[in-house]
Amino acid sequence: YPEKLKDKSPERAPDRRPTEPETAPETGDQMPSERKKEIDKGKGK
């Protein structure tokens, strides 16, 4: 079935996909612009 089947190995099933790395915890060295970005998101719970 050469016209039907294509190797999709890189496109793995949802629970086989690598997860995104966790966001590093906020430190004192965080840039002001990064802090502002976090504040901008704060539009309510």
PDB file of all heavy atoms in Angstrom:
ATOM      1  N   TYR A   1       0.851  -1.199   0.000  1.00  0.00           N
ATOM      2  CA  TYR A   1       0.000   0.000   0.000  1.00  0.00           C
ATOM      3  C   TYR A   1       0.889   1.254   0.000  1.00  0.00           C
ATOM      4  O   TYR A   1       0.815   2.077   0.917  1.00  0.00           O
ATOM      5  CB  TYR A   1      -0.919  -0.003   1.225  1.00  0.00           C
ATOM      6  CG  TYR A   1      -1.740  -1.258   1.370  1.00  0.00           C
ATOM      7  CD1 TYR A   1      -1.300  -2.317   2.155  1.00  0.00           C
ATOM      8  CD2 TYR A   1      -2.967  -1.391   0.717  1.00  0.00           C
ATOM      9  CE1 TYR A   1      -2.049  -3.480   2.280  1.00  0.00           C
ATOM     10  CE2 TYR A   1      -3.726  -2.544   0.835  1.00  0.00           C
ATOM     11  CZ  TYR A   1      -3.257  -3.594   1.619  1.00  0.00           C
ATOM     12  OH  TYR A   1      -4.003  -4.744   1.748  1.00  0.00           O
ATOM     13  N   PRO A   2       1.733   1.415  -1.009  1.00  0.00           N
ATOM     14  CA  PRO A   2       2.709   2.519  -0.993  1.00  0.00           C
ATOM     15  C   PRO A   2       2.089   3.902  -0.983  1.00  0.00           C
ATOM     16  O   PRO A   2       2.688   4.846  -0.465  1.00  0.00           O
ATOM     17  CB  PRO A   2       3.526   2.285  -2.281  1.00  0.00           C
ATOM     18  CG  PRO A   2       2.609   1.495  -3.168  1.00  0.00           C
ATOM     19  CD  PRO A   2       1.815   0.617  -2.245  1.00  0.00           C
ATOM     20  N   GLU A   3       0.887   4.029  -1.544  1.00  0.00           N
ATOM     21  CA  GLU A   3       0.237   5.341  -1.587  1.00  0.00           C
ATOM     22  C   GLU A   3      -0.590   5.617  -0.337  1.00  0.00           C
ATOM     23  O   GLU A   3      -1.058   6.739  -0.141  1.00  0.00           O
ATOM     24  CB  GLU A   3      -0.664   5.438  -2.825  1.00  0.00           C
ATOM     25  CG  GLU A   3       0.071   5.237  -4.152  1.00  0.00           C
ATOM     26  CD  GLU A   3       1.188   6.251  -4.340  1.00  0.00           C
ATOM     27  OE1 GLU A   3       0.975   7.433  -4.006  1.00  0.00           O
ATOM     28  OE2 GLU A   3       2.264   5.862  -4.823  1.00  0.00           O
ATOM     29  N   LYS A   4      -0.785   4.611   0.472  1.00  0.00           N
ATOM     30  CA  LYS A   4      -1.652   4.750   1.654  1.00  0.00           C
ATOM     31  C   LYS A   4      -0.863   4.946   2.946  1.00  0.00           C
ATOM     32  O   LYS A   4      -1.277   5.714   3.828  1.00  0.00           O
ATOM     33  CB  LYS A   4      -2.522   3.496   1.802  1.00  0.00           C
ATOM     34  CG  LYS A   4      -3.451   3.219   0.629  1.00  0.00           C
ATOM     35  CD  LYS A   4      -4.690   4.075   0.700  1.00  0.00           C
ATOM     36  CE  LYS A   4      -5.684   3.670  -0.382  1.00  0.00           C
ATOM     37  NZ  LYS A   4      -6.934   4.440  -0.291  1.00  0.00           N
ATOM     38  N   LEU A   5       0.255   4.231   3.068  1.00  0.00           N
ATOM     39  CA  LEU A   5       0.965   4.180   4.349  1.00  0.00           C
ATOM     40  C   LEU A   5       2.213   5.036   4.334  1.00  0.00           C
ATOM     41  O   LEU A   5       3.034   4.952   3.419  1.00  0.00           O
ATOM     42  CB  LEU A   5       1.334   2.734   4.675  1.00  0.00           C
ATOM     43  CG  LEU A   5       0.175   1.725   4.692  1.00  0.00           C
ATOM     44  CD1 LEU A   5       0.696   0.333   5.026  1.00  0.00           C
ATOM     45  CD2 LEU A   5      -0.893   2.153   5.685  1.00  0.00           C
ATOM     46  N   LYS A   6       2.363   5.873   5.347  1.00  0.00           N
ATOM     47  CA  LYS A   6       3.522   6.733   5.500  1.00  0.00           C
ATOM     48  C   LYS A   6       4.009   6.644   6.946  1.00  0.00           C
ATOM     49  O   LYS A   6       3.214   6.702   7.885  1.00  0.00           O
ATOM     50  CB  LYS A   6       3.180   8.193   5.168  1.00  0.00           C
ATOM     51  CG  LYS A   6       2.595   8.400   3.762  1.00  0.00           C
ATOM     52  CD  LYS A   6       3.601   8.078   2.666  1.00  0.00           C
ATOM     53  CE  LYS A   6       2.973   8.272   1.291  1.00  0.00           C
ATOM     54  NZ  LYS A   6       3.891   7.861   0.202  1.00  0.00           N
ATOM     55  N   ASP A   7       5.311   6.525   7.094  1.00  0.00           N
ATOM     56  CA  ASP A   7       5.894   6.420   8.434  1.00  0.00           C
ATOM     57  C   ASP A   7       5.706   7.741   9.170  1.00  0.00           C
ATOM     58  O   ASP A   7       6.222   8.771   8.756  1.00  0.00           O
ATOM     59  CB  ASP A   7       7.373   6.079   8.330  1.00  0.00           C
ATOM     60  CG  ASP A   7       8.009   5.840   9.698  1.00  0.00           C
ATOM     61  OD1 ASP A   7       7.286   5.915  10.707  1.00  0.00           O
ATOM     62  OD2 ASP A   7       9.218   5.566   9.746  1.00  0.00           O
ATOM     63  N   LYS A   8       4.940   7.699  10.275  1.00  0.00           N
ATOM     64  CA  LYS A   8       4.681   8.895  11.079  1.00  0.00           C
ATOM     65  C   LYS A   8       5.332   8.759  12.454  1.00  0.00           C
ATOM     66  O   LYS A   8       4.838   9.287  13.450  1.00  0.00           O
ATOM     67  CB  LYS A   8       3.170   9.097  11.254  1.00  0.00           C
ATOM     68  CG  LYS A   8       2.406   9.292   9.946  1.00  0.00           C
ATOM     69  CD  LYS A   8       2.565  10.696   9.420  1.00  0.00           C
ATOM     70  CE  LYS A   8       1.668  10.926   8.221  1.00  0.00           C
ATOM     71  NZ  LYS A   8       1.719  12.298   7.722  1.00  0.00           N
ATOM     72  N   SER A   9       6.463   8.037  12.507  1.00  0.00           N
ATOM     73  CA  SER A   9       7.102   7.769  13.792  1.00  0.00           C
ATOM     74  C   SER A   9       7.358   9.012  14.639  1.00  0.00           C
ATOM     75  O   SER A   9       7.156   8.980  15.855  1.00  0.00           O
ATOM     76  CB  SER A   9       8.412   7.005  13.572  1.00  0.00           C
ATOM     77  OG  SER A   9       8.157   5.745  13.010  1.00  0.00           O
ATOM     78  N   PRO A  10       7.796  10.130  14.028  1.00  0.00           N
ATOM     79  CA  PRO A  10       8.002  11.320  14.873  1.00  0.00           C
ATOM     80  C   PRO A  10       6.709  11.837  15.503  1.00  0.00           C
ATOM     81  O   PRO A  10       6.737  12.498  16.534  1.00  0.00           O
ATOM     82  CB  PRO A  10       8.573  12.348  13.890  1.00  0.00           C
ATOM     83  CG  PRO A  10       9.141  11.531  12.769  1.00  0.00           C
ATOM     84  CD  PRO A  10       8.231  10.351  12.643  1.00  0.00           C
ATOM     85  N   GLU A  11       5.563  11.526  14.888  1.00  0.00           N
ATOM     86  CA  GLU A  11       4.278  12.007  15.407  1.00  0.00           C
ATOM     87  C   GLU A  11       3.696  10.927  16.315  1.00  0.00           C
ATOM     88  O   GLU A  11       2.871  10.119  15.918  1.00  0.00           O
ATOM     89  CB  GLU A  11       3.327  12.304  14.251  1.00  0.00           C
ATOM     90  CG  GLU A  11       2.088  13.077  14.659  1.00  0.00           C
ATOM     91  CD  GLU A  11       1.279  13.508  13.453  1.00  0.00           C
ATOM     92  OE1 GLU A  11       1.712  13.298  12.320  1.00  0.00           O
ATOM     93  OE2 GLU A  11       0.193  14.067  13.682  1.00  0.00           O
ATOM     94  N   ARG A  12       4.133  10.918  17.548  1.00  0.00           N
ATOM     95  CA  ARG A  12       3.777   9.849  18.463  1.00  0.00           C
ATOM     96  C   ARG A  12       2.424  10.106  19.107  1.00  0.00           C
ATOM     97  O   ARG A  12       1.888  11.213  19.106  1.00  0.00           O
ATOM     98  CB  ARG A  12       4.838   9.719  19.576  1.00  0.00           C
ATOM     99  CG  ARG A  12       6.233   9.501  19.058  1.00  0.00           C
ATOM    100  CD  ARG A  12       6.361   8.291  18.142  1.00  0.00           C
ATOM    101  NE  ARG A  12       6.100   7.054  18.834  1.00  0.00           N
ATOM    102  CZ  ARG A  12       7.036   6.354  19.484  1.00  0.00           C
ATOM    103  NH1 ARG A  12       8.272   6.793  19.535  1.00  0.00           N
ATOM    104  NH2 ARG A  12       6.728   5.220  20.080  1.00  0.00           N
ATOM    105  N   ALA A  13       1.867   9.040  19.677  1.00  0.00           N
ATOM    106  CA  ALA A  13       0.587   9.135  20.379  1.00  0.00           C
ATOM    107  C   ALA A  13       0.688  10.158  21.503  1.00  0.00           C
ATOM    108  O   ALA A  13       1.776  10.398  22.041  1.00  0.00           O
ATOM    109  CB  ALA A  13       0.202   7.777  20.932  1.00  0.00           C
ATOM    110  N   PRO A  14      -0.451  10.785  21.879  1.00  0.00           N
ATOM    111  CA  PRO A  14      -0.418  11.886  22.857  1.00  0.00           C
ATOM    112  C   PRO A  14       0.341  11.563  24.136  1.00  0.00           C
ATOM    113  O   PRO A  14       1.117  12.398  24.609  1.00  0.00           O
ATOM    114  CB  PRO A  14      -1.906  12.134  23.140  1.00  0.00           C
ATOM    115  CG  PRO A  14      -2.588  11.735  21.875  1.00  0.00           C
ATOM    116  CD  PRO A  14      -1.810  10.565  21.345  1.00  0.00           C
ATOM    117  N   ASP A  15       0.166  10.365  24.707  1.00  0.00           N
ATOM    118  CA  ASP A  15       0.835  10.102  25.981  1.00  0.00           C
ATOM    119  C   ASP A  15       2.242   9.546  25.790  1.00  0.00           C
ATOM    120  O   ASP A  15       2.881   9.130  26.742  1.00  0.00           O
ATOM    121  CB  ASP A  15       0.010   9.159  26.866  1.00  0.00           C
ATOM    122  CG  ASP A  15      -0.255   7.831  26.195  1.00  0.00           C
ATOM    123  OD1 ASP A  15       0.130   7.670  25.023  1.00  0.00           O
ATOM    124  OD2 ASP A  15      -0.842   6.953  26.855  1.00  0.00           O
ATOM    125  N   ARG A  16       2.749   9.551  24.539  1.00  0.00           N
ATOM    126  CA  ARG A  16       4.148   9.202  24.312  1.00  0.00           C
ATOM    127  C   ARG A  16       4.968  10.452  24.048  1.00  0.00           C
ATOM    128  O   ARG A  16       6.187  10.384  23.953  1.00  0.00           O
ATOM    129  CB  ARG A  16       4.284   8.272  23.109  1.00  0.00           C
ATOM    130  CG  ARG A  16       3.663   6.909  23.267  1.00  0.00           C
ATOM    131  CD  ARG A  16       4.304   5.978  22.272  1.00  0.00           C
ATOM    132  NE  ARG A  16       3.504   4.784  22.078  1.00  0.00           N
ATOM    133  CZ  ARG A  16       3.969   3.655  21.577  1.00  0.00           C
ATOM    134  NH1 ARG A  16       5.230   3.579  21.245  1.00  0.00           N
ATOM    135  NH2 ARG A  16       3.188   2.615  21.412  1.00  0.00           N
ATOM    136  N   ARG A  17       4.301  11.571  23.855  1.00  0.00           N
ATOM    137  CA  ARG A  17       5.018  12.794  23.508  1.00  0.00           C
ATOM    138  C   ARG A  17       5.751  13.338  24.730  1.00  0.00           C
ATOM    139  O   ARG A  17       5.233  13.295  25.847  1.00  0.00           O
ATOM    140  CB  ARG A  17       4.048  13.855  22.988  1.00  0.00           C
ATOM    141  CG  ARG A  17       3.388  13.453  21.681  1.00  0.00           C
ATOM    142  CD  ARG A  17       2.327  14.435  21.291  1.00  0.00           C
ATOM    143  NE  ARG A  17       1.630  13.982  20.101  1.00  0.00           N
ATOM    144  CZ  ARG A  17       0.512  14.529  19.653  1.00  0.00           C
ATOM    145  NH1 ARG A  17      -0.039  15.538  20.295  1.00  0.00           N
ATOM    146  NH2 ARG A  17      -0.069  14.069  18.571  1.00  0.00           N
ATOM    147  N   PRO A  18       6.947  13.880  24.532  1.00  0.00           N
ATOM    148  CA  PRO A  18       7.666  14.453  25.676  1.00  0.00           C
ATOM    149  C   PRO A  18       6.904  15.642  26.238  1.00  0.00           C
ATOM    150  O   PRO A  18       6.324  16.432  25.495  1.00  0.00           O
ATOM    151  CB  PRO A  18       9.005  14.886  25.067  1.00  0.00           C
ATOM    152  CG  PRO A  18       8.734  15.024  23.598  1.00  0.00           C
ATOM    153  CD  PRO A  18       7.678  14.005  23.281  1.00  0.00           C
ATOM    154  N   THR A  19       6.903  15.756  27.536  1.00  0.00           N
ATOM    155  CA  THR A  19       6.210  16.878  28.181  1.00  0.00           C
ATOM    156  C   THR A  19       7.094  18.108  28.159  1.00  0.00           C
ATOM    157  O   THR A  19       8.326  18.028  28.082  1.00  0.00           O
ATOM    158  CB  THR A  19       5.869  16.536  29.643  1.00  0.00           C
ATOM    159  OG1 THR A  19       7.075  16.173  30.322  1.00  0.00           O
ATOM    160  CG2 THR A  19       4.904  15.357  29.692  1.00  0.00           C
ATOM    161  N   GLU A  20       6.460  19.264  28.228  1.00  0.00           N
ATOM    162  CA  GLU A  20       7.217  20.519  28.269  1.00  0.00           C
ATOM    163  C   GLU A  20       7.961  20.619  29.599  1.00  0.00           C
ATOM    164  O   GLU A  20       7.448  20.213  30.647  1.00  0.00           O
ATOM    165  CB  GLU A  20       6.258  21.705  28.134  1.00  0.00           C
ATOM    166  CG  GLU A  20       5.578  21.782  26.772  1.00  0.00           C
ATOM    167  CD  GLU A  20       6.569  22.089  25.671  1.00  0.00           C
ATOM    168  OE1 GLU A  20       7.566  22.800  25.949  1.00  0.00           O
ATOM    169  OE2 GLU A  20       6.366  21.609  24.542  1.00  0.00           O
ATOM    170  N   PRO A  21       9.189  21.132  29.603  1.00  0.00           N
ATOM    171  CA  PRO A  21       9.911  21.291  30.861  1.00  0.00           C
ATOM    172  C   PRO A  21       9.182  22.251  31.781  1.00  0.00           C
ATOM    173  O   PRO A  21       8.548  23.201  31.323  1.00  0.00           O
ATOM    174  CB  PRO A  21      11.276  21.860  30.422  1.00  0.00           C
ATOM    175  CG  PRO A  21      11.021  22.476  29.073  1.00  0.00           C
ATOM    176  CD  PRO A  21       9.948  21.627  28.449  1.00  0.00           C
ATOM    177  N   GLU A  22       9.246  21.952  33.056  1.00  0.00           N
ATOM    178  CA  GLU A  22       8.571  22.805  34.020  1.00  0.00           C
ATOM    179  C   GLU A  22       9.241  24.180  34.056  1.00  0.00           C
ATOM    180  O   GLU A  22      10.452  24.316  33.884  1.00  0.00           O
ATOM    181  CB  GLU A  22       8.629  22.167  35.403  1.00  0.00           C
ATOM    182  CG  GLU A  22       7.800  20.899  35.502  1.00  0.00           C
ATOM    183  CD  GLU A  22       7.789  20.373  36.924  1.00  0.00           C
ATOM    184  OE1 GLU A  22       8.351  21.057  37.790  1.00  0.00           O
ATOM    185  OE2 GLU A  22       7.229  19.296  37.147  1.00  0.00           O
ATOM    186  N   THR A  23       8.457  25.217  34.276  1.00  0.00           N
ATOM    187  CA  THR A  23       8.979  26.576  34.368  1.00  0.00           C
ATOM    188  C   THR A  23       9.846  26.701  35.611  1.00  0.00           C
ATOM    189  O   THR A  23       9.459  26.250  36.697  1.00  0.00           O
ATOM    190  CB  THR A  23       7.835  27.592  34.442  1.00  0.00           C
ATOM    191  OG1 THR A  23       6.992  27.390  33.302  1.00  0.00           O
ATOM    192  CG2 THR A  23       8.372  29.009  34.451  1.00  0.00           C
ATOM    193  N   ALA A  24      11.002  27.265  35.445  1.00  0.00           N
ATOM    194  CA  ALA A  24      11.896  27.431  36.589  1.00  0.00           C
ATOM    195  C   ALA A  24      11.270  28.359  37.613  1.00  0.00           C
ATOM    196  O   ALA A  24      10.563  29.314  37.254  1.00  0.00           O
ATOM    197  CB  ALA A  24      13.234  28.013  36.110  1.00  0.00           C
ATOM    198  N   PRO A  25      11.509  28.119  38.911  1.00  0.00           N
ATOM    199  CA  PRO A  25      10.933  28.983  39.944  1.00  0.00           C
ATOM    200  C   PRO A  25      11.511  30.394  39.853  1.00  0.00           C
ATOM    201  O   PRO A  25      12.637  30.600  39.404  1.00  0.00           O
ATOM    202  CB  PRO A  25      11.354  28.289  41.252  1.00  0.00           C
ATOM    203  CG  PRO A  25      12.553  27.475  40.884  1.00  0.00           C
ATOM    204  CD  PRO A  25      12.325  27.030  39.473  1.00  0.00           C
ATOM    205  N   GLU A  26      10.703  31.329  40.254  1.00  0.00           N
ATOM    206  CA  GLU A  26      11.122  32.729  40.206  1.00  0.00           C
ATOM    207  C   GLU A  26      12.256  32.966  41.179  1.00  0.00           C
ATOM    208  O   GLU A  26      12.257  32.479  42.315  1.00  0.00           O
ATOM    209  CB  GLU A  26       9.946  33.624  40.551  1.00  0.00           C
ATOM    210  CG  GLU A  26      10.272  35.096  40.436  1.00  0.00           C
ATOM    211  CD  GLU A  26       9.067  35.952  40.715  1.00  0.00           C
ATOM    212  OE1 GLU A  26       7.944  35.411  40.706  1.00  0.00           O
ATOM    213  OE2 GLU A  26       9.249  37.156  40.948  1.00  0.00           O
ATOM    214  N   THR A  27      13.281  33.682  40.709  1.00  0.00           N
ATOM    215  CA  THR A  27      14.414  33.991  41.577  1.00  0.00           C
ATOM    216  C   THR A  27      14.607  35.497  41.630  1.00  0.00           C
ATOM    217  O   THR A  27      14.014  36.261  40.866  1.00  0.00           O
ATOM    218  CB  THR A  27      15.717  33.357  41.033  1.00  0.00           C
ATOM    219  OG1 THR A  27      16.042  33.991  39.794  1.00  0.00           O
ATOM    220  CG2 THR A  27      15.545  31.861  40.805  1.00  0.00           C
ATOM    221  N   GLY A  28      15.523  35.915  42.483  1.00  0.00           N
ATOM    222  CA  GLY A  28      15.793  37.344  42.623  1.00  0.00           C
ATOM    223  C   GLY A  28      16.448  37.929  41.391  1.00  0.00           C
ATOM    224  O   GLY A  28      16.506  39.134  41.223  1.00  0.00           O
ATOM    225  N   ASP A  29      17.002  37.036  40.533  1.00  0.00           N
ATOM    226  CA  ASP A  29      17.689  37.509  39.334  1.00  0.00           C
ATOM    227  C   ASP A  29      16.736  37.704  38.167  1.00  0.00           C
ATOM    228  O   ASP A  29      17.175  38.040  37.071  1.00  0.00           O
ATOM    229  CB  ASP A  29      18.769  36.504  38.910  1.00  0.00           C
ATOM    230  CG  ASP A  29      19.850  36.358  39.980  1.00  0.00           C
ATOM    231  OD1 ASP A  29      20.096  37.356  40.671  1.00  0.00           O
ATOM    232  OD2 ASP A  29      20.414  35.254  40.102  1.00  0.00           O
ATOM    233  N   GLN A  30      15.461  37.517  38.400  1.00  0.00           N
ATOM    234  CA  GLN A  30      14.499  37.626  37.304  1.00  0.00           C
ATOM    235  C   GLN A  30      14.462  39.062  36.784  1.00  0.00           C
ATOM    236  O   GLN A  30      14.472  40.018  37.544  1.00  0.00           O
ATOM    237  CB  GLN A  30      13.111  37.228  37.796  1.00  0.00           C
ATOM    238  CG  GLN A  30      12.107  37.063  36.673  1.00  0.00           C
ATOM    239  CD  GLN A  30      10.806  36.546  37.228  1.00  0.00           C
ATOM    240  OE1 GLN A  30      10.553  36.651  38.420  1.00  0.00           O
ATOM    241  NE2 GLN A  30       9.978  36.007  36.360  1.00  0.00           N
ATOM    242  N   MET A  31      14.453  39.192  35.441  1.00  0.00           N
ATOM    243  CA  MET A  31      14.459  40.517  34.820  1.00  0.00           C
ATOM    244  C   MET A  31      13.132  41.220  35.071  1.00  0.00           C
ATOM    245  O   MET A  31      12.081  40.591  35.127  1.00  0.00           O
ATOM    246  CB  MET A  31      14.691  40.383  33.316  1.00  0.00           C
ATOM    247  CG  MET A  31      16.050  39.784  32.965  1.00  0.00           C
ATOM    248  SD  MET A  31      17.405  40.828  33.491  1.00  0.00           S
ATOM    249  CE  MET A  31      17.225  42.193  32.344  1.00  0.00           C
ATOM    250  N   PRO A  32      13.148  42.555  35.173  1.00  0.00           N
ATOM    251  CA  PRO A  32      11.918  43.319  35.386  1.00  0.00           C
ATOM    252  C   PRO A  32      10.869  43.046  34.323  1.00  0.00           C
ATOM    253  O   PRO A  32       9.685  42.991  34.615  1.00  0.00           O
ATOM    254  CB  PRO A  32      12.404  44.776  35.333  1.00  0.00           C
ATOM    255  CG  PRO A  32      13.847  44.716  35.725  1.00  0.00           C
ATOM    256  CD  PRO A  32      14.356  43.424  35.214  1.00  0.00           C
ATOM    257  N   SER A  33      11.298  42.909  33.051  1.00  0.00           N
ATOM    258  CA  SER A  33      10.321  42.676  31.995  1.00  0.00           C
ATOM    259  C   SER A  33       9.591  41.358  32.210  1.00  0.00           C
ATOM    260  O   SER A  33       8.414  41.227  31.912  1.00  0.00           O
ATOM    261  CB  SER A  33      11.017  42.670  30.630  1.00  0.00           C
ATOM    262  OG  SER A  33      11.986  41.633  30.582  1.00  0.00           O
ATOM    263  N   GLU A  34      10.339  40.331  32.731  1.00  0.00           N
ATOM    264  CA  GLU A  34       9.721  39.033  32.990  1.00  0.00           C
ATOM    265  C   GLU A  34       8.717  39.141  34.121  1.00  0.00           C
ATOM    266  O   GLU A  34       7.654  38.546  34.090  1.00  0.00           O
ATOM    267  CB  GLU A  34      10.795  38.006  33.315  1.00  0.00           C
ATOM    268  CG  GLU A  34      11.700  37.695  32.133  1.00  0.00           C
ATOM    269  CD  GLU A  34      12.832  36.764  32.516  1.00  0.00           C
ATOM    270  OE1 GLU A  34      13.371  36.934  33.625  1.00  0.00           O
ATOM    271  OE2 GLU A  34      13.179  35.891  31.718  1.00  0.00           O
ATOM    272  N   ARG A  35       9.074  39.946  35.151  1.00  0.00           N
ATOM    273  CA  ARG A  35       8.142  40.143  36.259  1.00  0.00           C
ATOM    274  C   ARG A  35       6.892  40.854  35.774  1.00  0.00           C
ATOM    275  O   ARG A  35       5.784  40.538  36.165  1.00  0.00           O
ATOM    276  CB  ARG A  35       8.830  40.970  37.362  1.00  0.00           C
ATOM    277  CG  ARG A  35       9.906  40.194  38.101  1.00  0.00           C
ATOM    278  CD  ARG A  35      10.577  41.059  39.141  1.00  0.00           C
ATOM    279  NE  ARG A  35      11.642  40.358  39.813  1.00  0.00           N
ATOM    280  CZ  ARG A  35      12.514  40.956  40.624  1.00  0.00           C
ATOM    281  NH1 ARG A  35      12.441  42.260  40.813  1.00  0.00           N
ATOM    282  NH2 ARG A  35      13.444  40.250  41.210  1.00  0.00           N
ATOM    283  N   LYS A  36       7.092  41.859  34.885  1.00  0.00           N
ATOM    284  CA  LYS A  36       5.946  42.608  34.377  1.00  0.00           C
ATOM    285  C   LYS A  36       5.016  41.684  33.601  1.00  0.00           C
ATOM    286  O   LYS A  36       3.799  41.791  33.675  1.00  0.00           O
ATOM    287  CB  LYS A  36       6.434  43.751  33.485  1.00  0.00           C
ATOM    288  CG  LYS A  36       5.307  44.640  32.972  1.00  0.00           C
ATOM    289  CD  LYS A  36       5.869  45.778  32.156  1.00  0.00           C
ATOM    290  CE  LYS A  36       4.769  46.753  31.768  1.00  0.00           C
ATOM    291  NZ  LYS A  36       3.706  46.135  30.986  1.00  0.00           N
ATOM    292  N   LYS A  37       5.611  40.716  32.844  1.00  0.00           N
ATOM    293  CA  LYS A  37       4.799  39.797  32.049  1.00  0.00           C
ATOM    294  C   LYS A  37       3.902  38.977  32.970  1.00  0.00           C
ATOM    295  O   LYS A  37       2.753  38.708  32.659  1.00  0.00           O
ATOM    296  CB  LYS A  37       5.715  38.883  31.243  1.00  0.00           C
ATOM    297  CG  LYS A  37       5.003  38.091  30.168  1.00  0.00           C
ATOM    298  CD  LYS A  37       5.973  37.260  29.359  1.00  0.00           C
ATOM    299  CE  LYS A  37       6.908  38.138  28.566  1.00  0.00           C
ATOM    300  NZ  LYS A  37       7.817  37.338  27.714  1.00  0.00           N
ATOM    301  N   GLU A  38       4.441  38.554  34.120  1.00  0.00           N
ATOM    302  CA  GLU A  38       3.639  37.793  35.064  1.00  0.00           C
ATOM    303  C   GLU A  38       2.513  38.659  35.631  1.00  0.00           C
ATOM    304  O   GLU A  38       1.390  38.207  35.813  1.00  0.00           O
ATOM    305  CB  GLU A  38       4.523  37.272  36.201  1.00  0.00           C
ATOM    306  CG  GLU A  38       5.521  36.206  35.792  1.00  0.00           C
ATOM    307  CD  GLU A  38       4.798  34.967  35.315  1.00  0.00           C
ATOM    308  OE1 GLU A  38       3.774  34.605  35.921  1.00  0.00           O
ATOM    309  OE2 GLU A  38       5.245  34.368  34.322  1.00  0.00           O
ATOM    310  N   ILE A  39       2.803  39.956  35.888  1.00  0.00           N
ATOM    311  CA  ILE A  39       1.796  40.860  36.437  1.00  0.00           C
ATOM    312  C   ILE A  39       0.696  41.110  35.414  1.00  0.00           C
ATOM    313  O   ILE A  39      -0.488  41.159  35.732  1.00  0.00           O
ATOM    314  CB  ILE A  39       2.446  42.195  36.869  1.00  0.00           C
ATOM    315  CG1 ILE A  39       3.395  41.947  38.044  1.00  0.00           C
ATOM    316  CG2 ILE A  39       1.399  43.226  37.228  1.00  0.00           C
ATOM    317  CD1 ILE A  39       4.236  43.139  38.408  1.00  0.00           C
ATOM    318  N   ASP A  40       1.095  41.232  34.119  1.00  0.00           N
ATOM    319  CA  ASP A  40       0.121  41.479  33.057  1.00  0.00           C
ATOM    320  C   ASP A  40      -0.912  40.369  32.965  1.00  0.00           C
ATOM    321  O   ASP A  40      -2.049  40.594  32.560  1.00  0.00           O
ATOM    322  CB  ASP A  40       0.830  41.607  31.701  1.00  0.00           C
ATOM    323  CG  ASP A  40       1.574  42.929  31.592  1.00  0.00           C
ATOM    324  OD1 ASP A  40       1.293  43.833  32.414  1.00  0.00           O
ATOM    325  OD2 ASP A  40       2.438  43.038  30.698  1.00  0.00           O
ATOM    326  N   LYS A  41      -0.520  39.141  33.339  1.00  0.00           N
ATOM    327  CA  LYS A  41      -1.461  38.026  33.271  1.00  0.00           C
ATOM    328  C   LYS A  41      -2.475  38.063  34.396  1.00  0.00           C
ATOM    329  O   LYS A  41      -3.483  37.378  34.354  1.00  0.00           O
ATOM    330  CB  LYS A  41      -0.702  36.693  33.343  1.00  0.00           C
ATOM    331  CG  LYS A  41       0.090  36.386  32.083  1.00  0.00           C
ATOM    332  CD  LYS A  41       0.724  35.004  32.221  1.00  0.00           C
ATOM    333  CE  LYS A  41       1.502  34.643  30.974  1.00  0.00           C
ATOM    334  NZ  LYS A  41       2.159  33.323  31.101  1.00  0.00           N
ATOM    335  N   GLY A  42      -2.190  38.845  35.406  1.00  0.00           N
ATOM    336  CA  GLY A  42      -3.025  38.806  36.593  1.00  0.00           C
ATOM    337  C   GLY A  42      -4.324  39.548  36.429  1.00  0.00           C
ATOM    338  O   GLY A  42      -4.525  40.590  37.025  1.00  0.00           O
ATOM    339  N   LYS A  43      -5.239  39.005  35.618  1.00  0.00           N
ATOM    340  CA  LYS A  43      -6.520  39.643  35.391  1.00  0.00           C
ATOM    341  C   LYS A  43      -7.627  38.991  36.193  1.00  0.00           C
ATOM    342  O   LYS A  43      -8.779  39.025  35.832  1.00  0.00           O
ATOM    343  CB  LYS A  43      -6.857  39.594  33.903  1.00  0.00           C
ATOM    344  CG  LYS A  43      -5.883  40.363  33.037  1.00  0.00           C
ATOM    345  CD  LYS A  43      -6.319  40.370  31.584  1.00  0.00           C
ATOM    346  CE  LYS A  43      -5.349  41.140  30.721  1.00  0.00           C
ATOM    347  NZ  LYS A  43      -5.762  41.167  29.308  1.00  0.00           N
ATOM    348  N   GLY A  44      -7.212  38.351  37.265  1.00  0.00           N
ATOM    349  CA  GLY A  44      -8.224  37.707  38.103  1.00  0.00           C
ATOM    350  C   GLY A  44      -8.105  36.200  38.039  1.00  0.00           C
ATOM    351  O   GLY A  44      -7.685  35.632  37.043  1.00  0.00           O
ATOM    352  N   LYS A  45      -8.475  35.545  39.119  1.00  0.00           N
ATOM    353  CA  LYS A  45      -8.323  34.100  39.240  1.00  0.00           C
ATOM    354  C   LYS A  45      -9.077  33.360  38.148  1.00  0.00           C
ATOM    355  O   LYS A  45      -8.573  32.402  37.563  1.00  0.00           O
ATOM    356  CB  LYS A  45      -8.821  33.674  40.622  1.00  0.00           C
ATOM    357  CG  LYS A  45      -8.704  32.191  40.897  1.00  0.00           C
ATOM    358  CD  LYS A  45      -7.272  31.775  41.044  1.00  0.00           C
ATOM    359  CE  LYS A  45      -7.232  30.344  41.563  1.00  0.00           C
ATOM    360  NZ  LYS A  45      -6.221  29.537  40.982  1.00  0.00           N
TER     361      LYS A  45
END
